[in-house]
Amino acid sequence: GGIGAYFGGRLAAAGVDVALIARGAHLRALQADGLHVRSP
């Protein structure tokens, strides 16, 4: 979710092999289009 995906995204962007466990519409969007993190 908000916390887990944020840290997972940051780790993945740094080159770490990351897999996310999610559910519902969020899971389907992650599978179809990846993760997007918007942050200052």
PDB file of all heavy atoms in Angstrom:
ATOM      1  N   GLY A   1       0.841  -1.195   0.000  1.00  0.00           N
ATOM      2  CA  GLY A   1       0.000   0.000   0.000  1.00  0.00           C
ATOM      3  C   GLY A   1       0.874   1.241   0.000  1.00  0.00           C
ATOM      4  O   GLY A   1       1.965   1.249  -0.579  1.00  0.00           O
ATOM      5  N   GLY A   2       0.412   2.286   0.669  1.00  0.00           N
ATOM      6  CA  GLY A   2       1.137   3.554   0.673  1.00  0.00           C
ATOM      7  C   GLY A   2       2.554   3.446   1.201  1.00  0.00           C
ATOM      8  O   GLY A   2       3.506   3.916   0.572  1.00  0.00           O
ATOM      9  N   ILE A   3       2.725   2.811   2.343  1.00  0.00           N
ATOM     10  CA  ILE A   3       4.055   2.677   2.954  1.00  0.00           C
ATOM     11  C   ILE A   3       4.886   1.627   2.201  1.00  0.00           C
ATOM     12  O   ILE A   3       6.013   1.880   1.787  1.00  0.00           O
ATOM     13  CB  ILE A   3       3.935   2.289   4.445  1.00  0.00           C
ATOM     14  CG1 ILE A   3       3.210   3.381   5.236  1.00  0.00           C
ATOM     15  CG2 ILE A   3       5.309   1.977   5.040  1.00  0.00           C
ATOM     16  CD1 ILE A   3       3.942   4.686   5.346  1.00  0.00           C
ATOM     17  N   GLY A   4       4.341   0.433   2.054  1.00  0.00           N
ATOM     18  CA  GLY A   4       5.085  -0.653   1.434  1.00  0.00           C
ATOM     19  C   GLY A   4       5.500  -0.356   0.008  1.00  0.00           C
ATOM     20  O   GLY A   4       6.646  -0.611  -0.389  1.00  0.00           O
ATOM     21  N   ALA A   5       4.590   0.169  -0.788  1.00  0.00           N
ATOM     22  CA  ALA A   5       4.918   0.471  -2.184  1.00  0.00           C
ATOM     23  C   ALA A   5       5.940   1.606  -2.272  1.00  0.00           C
ATOM     24  O   ALA A   5       6.808   1.583  -3.149  1.00  0.00           O
ATOM     25  CB  ALA A   5       3.661   0.809  -2.972  1.00  0.00           C
ATOM     26  N   TYR A   6       5.854   2.583  -1.374  1.00  0.00           N
ATOM     27  CA  TYR A   6       6.847   3.661  -1.383  1.00  0.00           C
ATOM     28  C   TYR A   6       8.253   3.089  -1.187  1.00  0.00           C
ATOM     29  O   TYR A   6       9.153   3.337  -1.980  1.00  0.00           O
ATOM     30  CB  TYR A   6       6.540   4.705  -0.304  1.00  0.00           C
ATOM     31  CG  TYR A   6       7.600   5.775  -0.239  1.00  0.00           C
ATOM     32  CD1 TYR A   6       7.573   6.851  -1.121  1.00  0.00           C
ATOM     33  CD2 TYR A   6       8.661   5.686   0.667  1.00  0.00           C
ATOM     34  CE1 TYR A   6       8.578   7.818  -1.093  1.00  0.00           C
ATOM     35  CE2 TYR A   6       9.654   6.643   0.700  1.00  0.00           C
ATOM     36  CZ  TYR A   6       9.611   7.711  -0.178  1.00  0.00           C
ATOM     37  OH  TYR A   6      10.603   8.649  -0.150  1.00  0.00           O
ATOM     38  N   PHE A   7       8.432   2.301  -0.124  1.00  0.00           N
ATOM     39  CA  PHE A   7       9.758   1.744   0.141  1.00  0.00           C
ATOM     40  C   PHE A   7      10.169   0.741  -0.930  1.00  0.00           C
ATOM     41  O   PHE A   7      11.332   0.704  -1.339  1.00  0.00           O
ATOM     42  CB  PHE A   7       9.824   1.123   1.539  1.00  0.00           C
ATOM     43  CG  PHE A   7       9.959   2.153   2.615  1.00  0.00           C
ATOM     44  CD1 PHE A   7       8.916   2.405   3.488  1.00  0.00           C
ATOM     45  CD2 PHE A   7      11.124   2.887   2.754  1.00  0.00           C
ATOM     46  CE1 PHE A   7       9.029   3.365   4.474  1.00  0.00           C
ATOM     47  CE2 PHE A   7      11.250   3.852   3.737  1.00  0.00           C
ATOM     48  CZ  PHE A   7      10.198   4.103   4.609  1.00  0.00           C
ATOM     49  N   GLY A   8       9.241  -0.068  -1.398  1.00  0.00           N
ATOM     50  CA  GLY A   8       9.551  -1.007  -2.475  1.00  0.00           C
ATOM     51  C   GLY A   8       9.985  -0.283  -3.738  1.00  0.00           C
ATOM     52  O   GLY A   8      10.943  -0.692  -4.403  1.00  0.00           O
ATOM     53  N   GLY A   9       9.300   0.789  -4.070  1.00  0.00           N
ATOM     54  CA  GLY A   9       9.661   1.574  -5.247  1.00  0.00           C
ATOM     55  C   GLY A   9      11.027   2.212  -5.127  1.00  0.00           C
ATOM     56  O   GLY A   9      11.822   2.191  -6.072  1.00  0.00           O
ATOM     57  N   ARG A  10      11.327   2.769  -3.961  1.00  0.00           N
ATOM     58  CA  ARG A  10      12.640   3.393  -3.747  1.00  0.00           C
ATOM     59  C   ARG A  10      13.752   2.355  -3.840  1.00  0.00           C
ATOM     60  O   ARG A  10      14.805   2.597  -4.440  1.00  0.00           O
ATOM     61  CB  ARG A  10      12.693   4.103  -2.398  1.00  0.00           C
ATOM     62  CG  ARG A  10      11.849   5.353  -2.329  1.00  0.00           C
ATOM     63  CD  ARG A  10      12.521   6.478  -3.072  1.00  0.00           C
ATOM     64  NE  ARG A  10      11.654   7.660  -3.045  1.00  0.00           N
ATOM     65  CZ  ARG A  10      11.638   8.558  -3.998  1.00  0.00           C
ATOM     66  NH1 ARG A  10      12.424   8.444  -5.049  1.00  0.00           N
ATOM     67  NH2 ARG A  10      10.836   9.590  -3.923  1.00  0.00           N
ATOM     68  N   LEU A  11      13.529   1.185  -3.234  1.00  0.00           N
ATOM     69  CA  LEU A  11      14.532   0.125  -3.317  1.00  0.00           C
ATOM     70  C   LEU A  11      14.723  -0.348  -4.755  1.00  0.00           C
ATOM     71  O   LEU A  11      15.859  -0.536  -5.215  1.00  0.00           O
ATOM     72  CB  LEU A  11      14.134  -1.047  -2.416  1.00  0.00           C
ATOM     73  CG  LEU A  11      14.272  -0.807  -0.915  1.00  0.00           C
ATOM     74  CD1 LEU A  11      13.545  -1.910  -0.142  1.00  0.00           C
ATOM     75  CD2 LEU A  11      15.733  -0.723  -0.511  1.00  0.00           C
ATOM     76  N   ALA A  12      13.632  -0.546  -5.479  1.00  0.00           N
ATOM     77  CA  ALA A  12      13.722  -0.993  -6.878  1.00  0.00           C
ATOM     78  C   ALA A  12      14.455   0.038  -7.729  1.00  0.00           C
ATOM     79  O   ALA A  12      15.281  -0.313  -8.574  1.00  0.00           O
ATOM     80  CB  ALA A  12      12.329  -1.270  -7.433  1.00  0.00           C
ATOM     81  N   ALA A  13      14.166   1.313  -7.511  1.00  0.00           N
ATOM     82  CA  ALA A  13      14.826   2.373  -8.277  1.00  0.00           C
ATOM     83  C   ALA A  13      16.329   2.404  -7.994  1.00  0.00           C
ATOM     84  O   ALA A  13      17.113   2.825  -8.839  1.00  0.00           O
ATOM     85  CB  ALA A  13      14.192   3.729  -7.967  1.00  0.00           C
ATOM     86  N   ALA A  14      16.728   1.922  -6.812  1.00  0.00           N
ATOM     87  CA  ALA A  14      18.147   1.870  -6.443  1.00  0.00           C
ATOM     88  C   ALA A  14      18.826   0.594  -6.943  1.00  0.00           C
ATOM     89  O   ALA A  14      20.004   0.376  -6.690  1.00  0.00           O
ATOM     90  CB  ALA A  14      18.290   1.985  -4.931  1.00  0.00           C
ATOM     91  N   GLY A  15      18.062  -0.270  -7.621  1.00  0.00           N
ATOM     92  CA  GLY A  15      18.649  -1.461  -8.203  1.00  0.00           C
ATOM     93  C   GLY A  15      18.428  -2.747  -7.429  1.00  0.00           C
ATOM     94  O   GLY A  15      18.945  -3.793  -7.812  1.00  0.00           O
ATOM     95  N   VAL A  16      17.659  -2.704  -6.348  1.00  0.00           N
ATOM     96  CA  VAL A  16      17.374  -3.899  -5.565  1.00  0.00           C
ATOM     97  C   VAL A  16      16.288  -4.711  -6.273  1.00  0.00           C
ATOM     98  O   VAL A  16      15.361  -4.154  -6.853  1.00  0.00           O
ATOM     99  CB  VAL A  16      16.927  -3.516  -4.132  1.00  0.00           C
ATOM    100  CG1 VAL A  16      16.531  -4.742  -3.329  1.00  0.00           C
ATOM    101  CG2 VAL A  16      18.029  -2.739  -3.418  1.00  0.00           C
ATOM    102  N   ASP A  17      16.400  -6.024  -6.221  1.00  0.00           N
ATOM    103  CA  ASP A  17      15.397  -6.934  -6.776  1.00  0.00           C
ATOM    104  C   ASP A  17      14.212  -6.969  -5.814  1.00  0.00           C
ATOM    105  O   ASP A  17      14.304  -7.568  -4.736  1.00  0.00           O
ATOM    106  CB  ASP A  17      16.015  -8.321  -6.948  1.00  0.00           C
ATOM    107  CG  ASP A  17      15.056  -9.337  -7.538  1.00  0.00           C
ATOM    108  OD1 ASP A  17      13.906  -8.995  -7.865  1.00  0.00           O
ATOM    109  OD2 ASP A  17      15.475 -10.509  -7.671  1.00  0.00           O
ATOM    110  N   VAL A  18      13.111  -6.306  -6.184  1.00  0.00           N
ATOM    111  CA  VAL A  18      11.942  -6.149  -5.309  1.00  0.00           C
ATOM    112  C   VAL A  18      10.717  -6.762  -5.967  1.00  0.00           C
ATOM    113  O   VAL A  18      10.480  -6.582  -7.157  1.00  0.00           O
ATOM    114  CB  VAL A  18      11.657  -4.651  -5.029  1.00  0.00           C
ATOM    115  CG1 VAL A  18      10.390  -4.483  -4.200  1.00  0.00           C
ATOM    116  CG2 VAL A  18      12.838  -4.001  -4.323  1.00  0.00           C
ATOM    117  N   ALA A  19       9.925  -7.460  -5.155  1.00  0.00           N
ATOM    118  CA  ALA A  19       8.618  -7.957  -5.583  1.00  0.00           C
ATOM    119  C   ALA A  19       7.580  -7.450  -4.592  1.00  0.00           C
ATOM    120  O   ALA A  19       7.816  -7.440  -3.377  1.00  0.00           O
ATOM    121  CB  ALA A  19       8.610  -9.477  -5.616  1.00  0.00           C
ATOM    122  N   LEU A  20       6.452  -7.019  -5.114  1.00  0.00           N
ATOM    123  CA  LEU A  20       5.374  -6.496  -4.279  1.00  0.00           C
ATOM    124  C   LEU A  20       4.247  -7.514  -4.172  1.00  0.00           C
ATOM    125  O   LEU A  20       3.892  -8.155  -5.161  1.00  0.00           O
ATOM    126  CB  LEU A  20       4.806  -5.209  -4.874  1.00  0.00           C
ATOM    127  CG  LEU A  20       5.794  -4.060  -5.120  1.00  0.00           C
ATOM    128  CD1 LEU A  20       5.058  -2.875  -5.738  1.00  0.00           C
ATOM    129  CD2 LEU A  20       6.502  -3.655  -3.844  1.00  0.00           C
ATOM    130  N   ILE A  21       3.676  -7.626  -2.973  1.00  0.00           N
ATOM    131  CA  ILE A  21       2.485  -8.444  -2.761  1.00  0.00           C
ATOM    132  C   ILE A  21       1.356  -7.479  -2.442  1.00  0.00           C
ATOM    133  O   ILE A  21       1.391  -6.757  -1.445  1.00  0.00           O
ATOM    134  CB  ILE A  21       2.696  -9.461  -1.628  1.00  0.00           C
ATOM    135  CG1 ILE A  21       3.878 -10.361  -1.971  1.00  0.00           C
ATOM    136  CG2 ILE A  21       1.423 -10.276  -1.396  1.00  0.00           C
ATOM    137  CD1 ILE A  21       4.364 -11.209  -0.821  1.00  0.00           C
ATOM    138  N   ALA A  22       0.381  -7.452  -3.327  1.00  0.00           N
ATOM    139  CA  ALA A  22      -0.728  -6.504  -3.221  1.00  0.00           C
ATOM    140  C   ALA A  22      -2.020  -7.237  -3.571  1.00  0.00           C
ATOM    141  O   ALA A  22      -2.029  -8.454  -3.761  1.00  0.00           O
ATOM    142  CB  ALA A  22      -0.485  -5.315  -4.155  1.00  0.00           C
ATOM    143  N   ARG A  23      -3.099  -6.475  -3.697  1.00  0.00           N
ATOM    144  CA  ARG A  23      -4.377  -7.091  -4.053  1.00  0.00           C
ATOM    145  C   ARG A  23      -5.254  -6.083  -4.791  1.00  0.00           C
ATOM    146  O   ARG A  23      -4.968  -4.895  -4.823  1.00  0.00           O
ATOM    147  CB  ARG A  23      -5.078  -7.623  -2.809  1.00  0.00           C
ATOM    148  CG  ARG A  23      -5.362  -6.579  -1.770  1.00  0.00           C
ATOM    149  CD  ARG A  23      -5.909  -7.205  -0.493  1.00  0.00           C
ATOM    150  NE  ARG A  23      -6.101  -6.159   0.507  1.00  0.00           N
ATOM    151  CZ  ARG A  23      -6.379  -6.385   1.756  1.00  0.00           C
ATOM    152  NH1 ARG A  23      -6.531  -7.608   2.201  1.00  0.00           N
ATOM    153  NH2 ARG A  23      -6.530  -5.394   2.602  1.00  0.00           N
ATOM    154  N   GLY A  24      -6.304  -6.594  -5.387  1.00  0.00           N
ATOM    155  CA  GLY A  24      -7.338  -5.763  -6.001  1.00  0.00           C
ATOM    156  C   GLY A  24      -6.869  -4.932  -7.177  1.00  0.00           C
ATOM    157  O   GLY A  24      -5.961  -5.300  -7.924  1.00  0.00           O
ATOM    158  N   ALA A  25      -7.501  -3.777  -7.318  1.00  0.00           N
ATOM    159  CA  ALA A  25      -7.220  -2.875  -8.432  1.00  0.00           C
ATOM    160  C   ALA A  25      -5.778  -2.379  -8.408  1.00  0.00           C
ATOM    161  O   ALA A  25      -5.159  -2.182  -9.465  1.00  0.00           O
ATOM    162  CB  ALA A  25      -8.190  -1.692  -8.416  1.00  0.00           C
ATOM    163  N   HIS A  26      -5.233  -2.187  -7.222  1.00  0.00           N
ATOM    164  CA  HIS A  26      -3.843  -1.737  -7.101  1.00  0.00           C
ATOM    165  C   HIS A  26      -2.903  -2.792  -7.694  1.00  0.00           C
ATOM    166  O   HIS A  26      -1.999  -2.462  -8.475  1.00  0.00           O
ATOM    167  CB  HIS A  26      -3.524  -1.463  -5.631  1.00  0.00           C
ATOM    168  CG  HIS A  26      -2.189  -0.854  -5.378  1.00  0.00           C
ATOM    169  ND1 HIS A  26      -1.736   0.290  -5.996  1.00  0.00           N
ATOM    170  CD2 HIS A  26      -1.190  -1.238  -4.536  1.00  0.00           C
ATOM    171  CE1 HIS A  26      -0.523   0.589  -5.555  1.00  0.00           C
ATOM    172  NE2 HIS A  26      -0.173  -0.329  -4.670  1.00  0.00           N
ATOM    173  N   LEU A  27      -3.126  -4.054  -7.374  1.00  0.00           N
ATOM    174  CA  LEU A  27      -2.324  -5.136  -7.937  1.00  0.00           C
ATOM    175  C   LEU A  27      -2.431  -5.154  -9.454  1.00  0.00           C
ATOM    176  O   LEU A  27      -1.411  -5.237 -10.162  1.00  0.00           O
ATOM    177  CB  LEU A  27      -2.749  -6.485  -7.362  1.00  0.00           C
ATOM    178  CG  LEU A  27      -2.127  -7.720  -8.025  1.00  0.00           C
ATOM    179  CD1 LEU A  27      -0.612  -7.702  -7.916  1.00  0.00           C
ATOM    180  CD2 LEU A  27      -2.723  -8.993  -7.433  1.00  0.00           C
ATOM    181  N   ARG A  28      -3.633  -5.072  -9.972  1.00  0.00           N
ATOM    182  CA  ARG A  28      -3.817  -5.117 -11.423  1.00  0.00           C
ATOM    183  C   ARG A  28      -3.093  -3.958 -12.110  1.00  0.00           C
ATOM    184  O   ARG A  28      -2.465  -4.140 -13.159  1.00  0.00           O
ATOM    185  CB  ARG A  28      -5.297  -5.140 -11.775  1.00  0.00           C
ATOM    186  CG  ARG A  28      -5.975  -6.457 -11.378  1.00  0.00           C
ATOM    187  CD  ARG A  28      -7.398  -6.555 -11.869  1.00  0.00           C
ATOM    188  NE  ARG A  28      -8.292  -5.571 -11.269  1.00  0.00           N
ATOM    189  CZ  ARG A  28      -8.866  -5.713 -10.071  1.00  0.00           C
ATOM    190  NH1 ARG A  28      -8.641  -6.782  -9.337  1.00  0.00           N
ATOM    191  NH2 ARG A  28      -9.679  -4.776  -9.618  1.00  0.00           N
ATOM    192  N   ALA A  29      -3.117  -2.776 -11.509  1.00  0.00           N
ATOM    193  CA  ALA A  29      -2.414  -1.627 -12.086  1.00  0.00           C
ATOM    194  C   ALA A  29      -0.901  -1.813 -12.018  1.00  0.00           C
ATOM    195  O   ALA A  29      -0.186  -1.475 -12.973  1.00  0.00           O
ATOM    196  CB  ALA A  29      -2.826  -0.340 -11.367  1.00  0.00           C
ATOM    197  N   LEU A  30      -0.400  -2.349 -10.908  1.00  0.00           N
ATOM    198  CA  LEU A  30       1.036  -2.615 -10.789  1.00  0.00           C
ATOM    199  C   LEU A  30       1.500  -3.593 -11.862  1.00  0.00           C
ATOM    200  O   LEU A  30       2.558  -3.413 -12.463  1.00  0.00           O
ATOM    201  CB  LEU A  30       1.352  -3.179  -9.400  1.00  0.00           C
ATOM    202  CG  LEU A  30       1.181  -2.236  -8.213  1.00  0.00           C
ATOM    203  CD1 LEU A  30       1.247  -3.017  -6.906  1.00  0.00           C
ATOM    204  CD2 LEU A  30       2.209  -1.124  -8.243  1.00  0.00           C
ATOM    205  N   GLN A  31       0.707  -4.633 -12.097  1.00  0.00           N
ATOM    206  CA  GLN A  31       1.059  -5.633 -13.100  1.00  0.00           C
ATOM    207  C   GLN A  31       1.001  -5.067 -14.516  1.00  0.00           C
ATOM    208  O   GLN A  31       1.828  -5.407 -15.360  1.00  0.00           O
ATOM    209  CB  GLN A  31       0.130  -6.846 -12.979  1.00  0.00           C
ATOM    210  CG  GLN A  31       0.355  -7.636 -11.706  1.00  0.00           C
ATOM    211  CD  GLN A  31      -0.708  -8.690 -11.473  1.00  0.00           C
ATOM    212  OE1 GLN A  31      -1.886  -8.502 -11.804  1.00  0.00           O
ATOM    213  NE2 GLN A  31      -0.309  -9.811 -10.880  1.00  0.00           N
ATOM    214  N   ALA A  32       0.044  -4.192 -14.767  1.00  0.00           N
ATOM    215  CA  ALA A  32      -0.148  -3.661 -16.119  1.00  0.00           C
ATOM    216  C   ALA A  32       0.803  -2.517 -16.462  1.00  0.00           C
ATOM    217  O   ALA A  32       1.279  -2.420 -17.598  1.00  0.00           O
ATOM    218  CB  ALA A  32      -1.596  -3.185 -16.293  1.00  0.00           C
ATOM    219  N   ASP A  33       1.076  -1.648 -15.475  1.00  0.00           N
ATOM    220  CA  ASP A  33       1.790  -0.408 -15.798  1.00  0.00           C
ATOM    221  C   ASP A  33       2.921  -0.071 -14.827  1.00  0.00           C
ATOM    222  O   ASP A  33       3.468   1.014 -14.870  1.00  0.00           O
ATOM    223  CB  ASP A  33       0.781   0.744 -15.854  1.00  0.00           C
ATOM    224  CG  ASP A  33       1.336   1.980 -16.521  1.00  0.00           C
ATOM    225  OD1 ASP A  33       2.099   1.848 -17.506  1.00  0.00           O
ATOM    226  OD2 ASP A  33       1.035   3.094 -16.037  1.00  0.00           O
ATOM    227  N   GLY A  34       3.255  -0.973 -13.903  1.00  0.00           N
ATOM    228  CA  GLY A  34       4.332  -0.697 -12.956  1.00  0.00           C
ATOM    229  C   GLY A  34       3.886   0.213 -11.828  1.00  0.00           C
ATOM    230  O   GLY A  34       2.706   0.554 -11.696  1.00  0.00           O
ATOM    231  N   LEU A  35       4.848   0.605 -11.024  1.00  0.00           N
ATOM    232  CA  LEU A  35       4.603   1.455  -9.859  1.00  0.00           C
ATOM    233  C   LEU A  35       5.061   2.875 -10.152  1.00  0.00           C
ATOM    234  O   LEU A  35       6.145   3.095 -10.698  1.00  0.00           O
ATOM    235  CB  LEU A  35       5.368   0.910  -8.648  1.00  0.00           C
ATOM    236  CG  LEU A  35       5.353   1.778  -7.392  1.00  0.00           C
ATOM    237  CD1 LEU A  35       3.939   1.903  -6.819  1.00  0.00           C
ATOM    238  CD2 LEU A  35       6.306   1.200  -6.345  1.00  0.00           C
ATOM    239  N   HIS A  36       4.239   3.828  -9.749  1.00  0.00           N
ATOM    240  CA  HIS A  36       4.553   5.250  -9.888  1.00  0.00           C
ATOM    241  C   HIS A  36       4.546   5.866  -8.495  1.00  0.00           C
ATOM    242  O   HIS A  36       3.567   5.724  -7.766  1.00  0.00           O
ATOM    243  CB  HIS A  36       3.524   5.946 -10.777  1.00  0.00           C
ATOM    244  CG  HIS A  36       3.285   5.197 -12.052  1.00  0.00           C
ATOM    245  ND1 HIS A  36       4.184   5.205 -13.098  1.00  0.00           N
ATOM    246  CD2 HIS A  36       2.286   4.367 -12.425  1.00  0.00           C
ATOM    247  CE1 HIS A  36       3.721   4.441 -14.063  1.00  0.00           C
ATOM    248  NE2 HIS A  36       2.577   3.911 -13.676  1.00  0.00           N
ATOM    249  N   VAL A  37       5.648   6.515  -8.138  1.00  0.00           N
ATOM    250  CA  VAL A  37       5.753   7.202  -6.854  1.00  0.00           C
ATOM    251  C   VAL A  37       5.921   8.681  -7.137  1.00  0.00           C
ATOM    252  O   VAL A  37       6.802   9.083  -7.895  1.00  0.00           O
ATOM    253  CB  VAL A  37       6.948   6.679  -6.017  1.00  0.00           C
ATOM    254  CG1 VAL A  37       7.087   7.475  -4.724  1.00  0.00           C
ATOM    255  CG2 VAL A  37       6.790   5.192  -5.715  1.00  0.00           C
ATOM    256  N   ARG A  38       5.059   9.487  -6.545  1.00  0.00           N
ATOM    257  CA  ARG A  38       5.130  10.936  -6.688  1.00  0.00           C
ATOM    258  C   ARG A  38       5.553  11.501  -5.342  1.00  0.00           C
ATOM    259  O   ARG A  38       4.901  11.256  -4.330  1.00  0.00           O
ATOM    260  CB  ARG A  38       3.774  11.513  -7.115  1.00  0.00           C
ATOM    261  CG  ARG A  38       3.273  10.938  -8.442  1.00  0.00           C
ATOM    262  CD  ARG A  38       4.230  11.283  -9.578  1.00  0.00           C
ATOM    263  NE  ARG A  38       3.938  10.563 -10.808  1.00  0.00           N
ATOM    264  CZ  ARG A  38       4.734   9.633 -11.326  1.00  0.00           C
ATOM    265  NH1 ARG A  38       5.854   9.304 -10.735  1.00  0.00           N
ATOM    266  NH2 ARG A  38       4.421   9.033 -12.446  1.00  0.00           N
ATOM    267  N   SER A  39       6.663  12.232  -5.327  1.00  0.00           N
ATOM    268  CA  SER A  39       7.255  12.657  -4.065  1.00  0.00           C
ATOM    269  C   SER A  39       8.082  13.915  -4.242  1.00  0.00           C
ATOM    270  O   SER A  39       8.725  14.091  -5.277  1.00  0.00           O
ATOM    271  CB  SER A  39       8.168  11.534  -3.545  1.00  0.00           C
ATOM    272  OG  SER A  39       8.946  11.954  -2.450  1.00  0.00           O
ATOM    273  N   PRO A  40       8.115  14.772  -3.219  1.00  0.00           N
ATOM    274  CA  PRO A  40       9.018  15.920  -3.266  1.00  0.00           C
ATOM    275  C   PRO A  40      10.494  15.489  -3.296  1.00  0.00           C
ATOM    276  O   PRO A  40      11.360  16.254  -3.672  1.00  0.00           O
ATOM    277  CB  PRO A  40       8.717  16.707  -1.990  1.00  0.00           C
ATOM    278  CG  PRO A  40       7.705  15.946  -1.232  1.00  0.00           C
ATOM    279  CD  PRO A  40       7.279  14.768  -2.025  1.00  0.00           C
TER     280      PRO A  40
END
